[in-house]
Amino acid sequence: MQAKSGWKTTEFILSITDIIVQGNLAIEIGNYNMKMSGPDVPEWADYGKYITIWEEQKDGSMKIKLKPGIRIQIHGNKWNKQNKKK
């Protein structure tokens, strides 16, 4: 679905590089590549690393546990958690 603003994602690729399982949690670490375009703006690309924390539910399914609104960024070899500004 395209946003009403006219911005759209033209490519989005996730590549998992590691999965760590500890108890009922799974930590997925990987790389992302994406391309976007918008009104009167040429297509541009962004890439980086991501982390997703999954939690196993009572029925065996997995649900994303990481609280919405939190961004994880890499600085050197460290993960840095930042509150997302609105």
C-alpha atoms as a PDB file:
ATOM      1  CA  MET A   1       0.000   0.000   0.000  1.00  0.00           C
ATOM      2  CA  GLN A   2       1.400   3.404  -0.976  1.00  0.00           C
ATOM      3  CA  ALA A   3       1.291   6.273   1.488  1.00  0.00           C
ATOM      4  CA  LYS A   4      -0.953   9.229   0.628  1.00  0.00           C
ATOM      5  CA  SER A   5       2.167  11.401   0.662  1.00  0.00           C
ATOM      6  CA  GLY A   6       3.367   9.758  -2.543  1.00  0.00           C
ATOM      7  CA  TRP A   7       6.417   8.161  -0.912  1.00  0.00           C
ATOM      8  CA  LYS A   8       6.854   4.481  -1.672  1.00  0.00           C
ATOM      9  CA  THR A   9       9.304   1.698  -0.990  1.00  0.00           C
ATOM     10  CA  THR A  10      10.469   0.259  -4.311  1.00  0.00           C
ATOM     11  CA  GLU A  11      12.751  -2.432  -2.846  1.00  0.00           C
ATOM     12  CA  PHE A  12      13.159  -3.950   0.620  1.00  0.00           C
ATOM     13  CA  ILE A  13      15.460  -6.881   1.364  1.00  0.00           C
ATOM     14  CA  LEU A  14      16.277  -8.441   4.739  1.00  0.00           C
ATOM     15  CA  SER A  15      19.221 -10.840   5.036  1.00  0.00           C
ATOM     16  CA  ILE A  16      19.469 -12.736   8.325  1.00  0.00           C
ATOM     17  CA  THR A  17      23.074 -13.094   9.520  1.00  0.00           C
ATOM     18  CA  ASP A  18      22.546 -14.642  12.961  1.00  0.00           C
ATOM     19  CA  ILE A  19      19.844 -16.105  15.190  1.00  0.00           C
ATOM     20  CA  ILE A  20      20.411 -16.501  18.923  1.00  0.00           C
ATOM     21  CA  VAL A  21      17.902 -18.539  20.953  1.00  0.00           C
ATOM     22  CA  GLN A  22      17.724 -18.156  24.735  1.00  0.00           C
ATOM     23  CA  GLY A  23      14.781 -19.734  26.535  1.00  0.00           C
ATOM     24  CA  ASN A  24      11.543 -18.493  24.956  1.00  0.00           C
ATOM     25  CA  LEU A  25      13.287 -15.596  23.124  1.00  0.00           C
ATOM     26  CA  ALA A  26      14.953 -15.560  19.722  1.00  0.00           C
ATOM     27  CA  ILE A  27      17.148 -12.667  18.602  1.00  0.00           C
ATOM     28  CA  GLU A  28      17.333 -12.177  14.838  1.00  0.00           C
ATOM     29  CA  ILE A  29      20.229 -10.059  13.562  1.00  0.00           C
ATOM     30  CA  GLY A  30      20.704  -9.107   9.951  1.00  0.00           C
ATOM     31  CA  ASN A  31      21.232  -6.567   7.211  1.00  0.00           C
ATOM     32  CA  TYR A  32      18.651  -4.570   5.287  1.00  0.00           C
ATOM     33  CA  ASN A  33      18.737  -2.884   1.881  1.00  0.00           C
ATOM     34  CA  MET A  34      15.939  -0.666   0.696  1.00  0.00           C
ATOM     35  CA  LYS A  35      15.112   1.828  -2.015  1.00  0.00           C
ATOM     36  CA  MET A  36      12.485   4.551  -1.798  1.00  0.00           C
ATOM     37  CA  SER A  37      11.094   7.224  -4.053  1.00  0.00           C
ATOM     38  CA  GLY A  38       8.898  10.220  -3.527  1.00  0.00           C
ATOM     39  CA  PRO A  39       7.315  13.141  -5.317  1.00  0.00           C
ATOM     40  CA  ASP A  40       9.952  15.157  -7.186  1.00  0.00           C
ATOM     41  CA  VAL A  41      12.755  13.147  -5.528  1.00  0.00           C
ATOM     42  CA  PRO A  42      14.948  10.636  -7.349  1.00  0.00           C
ATOM     43  CA  GLU A  43      15.006   7.089  -6.016  1.00  0.00           C
ATOM     44  CA  TRP A  44      17.447   6.738  -3.121  1.00  0.00           C
ATOM     45  CA  ALA A  45      18.863   3.780  -1.205  1.00  0.00           C
ATOM     46  CA  ASP A  46      19.458   3.025   2.456  1.00  0.00           C
ATOM     47  CA  TYR A  47      21.167   0.050   4.049  1.00  0.00           C
ATOM     48  CA  GLY A  48      22.250  -1.061   7.478  1.00  0.00           C
ATOM     49  CA  LYS A  49      21.796  -3.615  10.229  1.00  0.00           C
ATOM     50  CA  TYR A  50      18.694  -4.574  12.170  1.00  0.00           C
ATOM     51  CA  ILE A  51      17.724  -6.624  15.204  1.00  0.00           C
ATOM     52  CA  THR A  52      14.365  -8.207  15.988  1.00  0.00           C
ATOM     53  CA  ILE A  53      13.542  -9.911  19.284  1.00  0.00           C
ATOM     54  CA  TRP A  54      10.902 -12.631  19.044  1.00  0.00           C
ATOM     55  CA  GLU A  55       9.037 -14.261  21.945  1.00  0.00           C
ATOM     56  CA  GLU A  56       7.494 -17.727  21.796  1.00  0.00           C
ATOM     57  CA  GLN A  57       3.808 -17.704  22.717  1.00  0.00           C
ATOM     58  CA  LYS A  58       1.923 -20.385  24.685  1.00  0.00           C
ATOM     59  CA  ASP A  59       0.556 -21.811  21.416  1.00  0.00           C
ATOM     60  CA  GLY A  60       4.105 -22.178  19.984  1.00  0.00           C
ATOM     61  CA  SER A  61       3.859 -19.224  17.590  1.00  0.00           C
ATOM     62  CA  MET A  62       6.425 -16.404  17.666  1.00  0.00           C
ATOM     63  CA  LYS A  63       5.547 -12.741  18.255  1.00  0.00           C
ATOM     64  CA  ILE A  64       7.796  -9.683  17.978  1.00  0.00           C
ATOM     65  CA  LYS A  65       8.758  -8.641  21.519  1.00  0.00           C
ATOM     66  CA  LEU A  66      10.803  -5.462  20.878  1.00  0.00           C
ATOM     67  CA  LYS A  67       8.731  -2.482  22.019  1.00  0.00           C
ATOM     68  CA  PRO A  68       7.446  -0.325  19.097  1.00  0.00           C
ATOM     69  CA  GLY A  69       9.021   3.109  18.922  1.00  0.00           C
ATOM     70  CA  ILE A  70      12.520   1.915  19.839  1.00  0.00           C
ATOM     71  CA  ARG A  71      15.252   2.077  17.197  1.00  0.00           C
ATOM     72  CA  ILE A  72      18.375  -0.044  17.356  1.00  0.00           C
ATOM     73  CA  GLN A  73      21.424   1.344  15.574  1.00  0.00           C
ATOM     74  CA  ILE A  74      24.971   0.098  15.260  1.00  0.00           C
ATOM     75  CA  HIS A  75      27.880   2.365  16.115  1.00  0.00           C
ATOM     76  CA  GLY A  76      31.156   0.565  15.531  1.00  0.00           C
ATOM     77  CA  ASN A  77      30.695  -2.840  17.148  1.00  0.00           C
ATOM     78  CA  LYS A  78      28.113  -1.713  19.728  1.00  0.00           C
ATOM     79  CA  TRP A  79      24.330  -1.809  19.594  1.00  0.00           C
ATOM     80  CA  ASN A  80      22.860   1.530  20.647  1.00  0.00           C
ATOM     81  CA  LYS A  81      19.212   1.785  21.704  1.00  0.00           C
ATOM     82  CA  GLN A  82      17.604   5.183  21.095  1.00  0.00           C
ATOM     83  CA  ASN A  83      14.112   6.431  21.792  1.00  0.00           C
ATOM     84  CA  LYS A  84      12.469   7.357  18.516  1.00  0.00           C
ATOM     85  CA  LYS A  85      11.428  11.011  18.375  1.00  0.00           C
ATOM     86  CA  LYS A  86       7.894  11.758  17.191  1.00  0.00           C
END
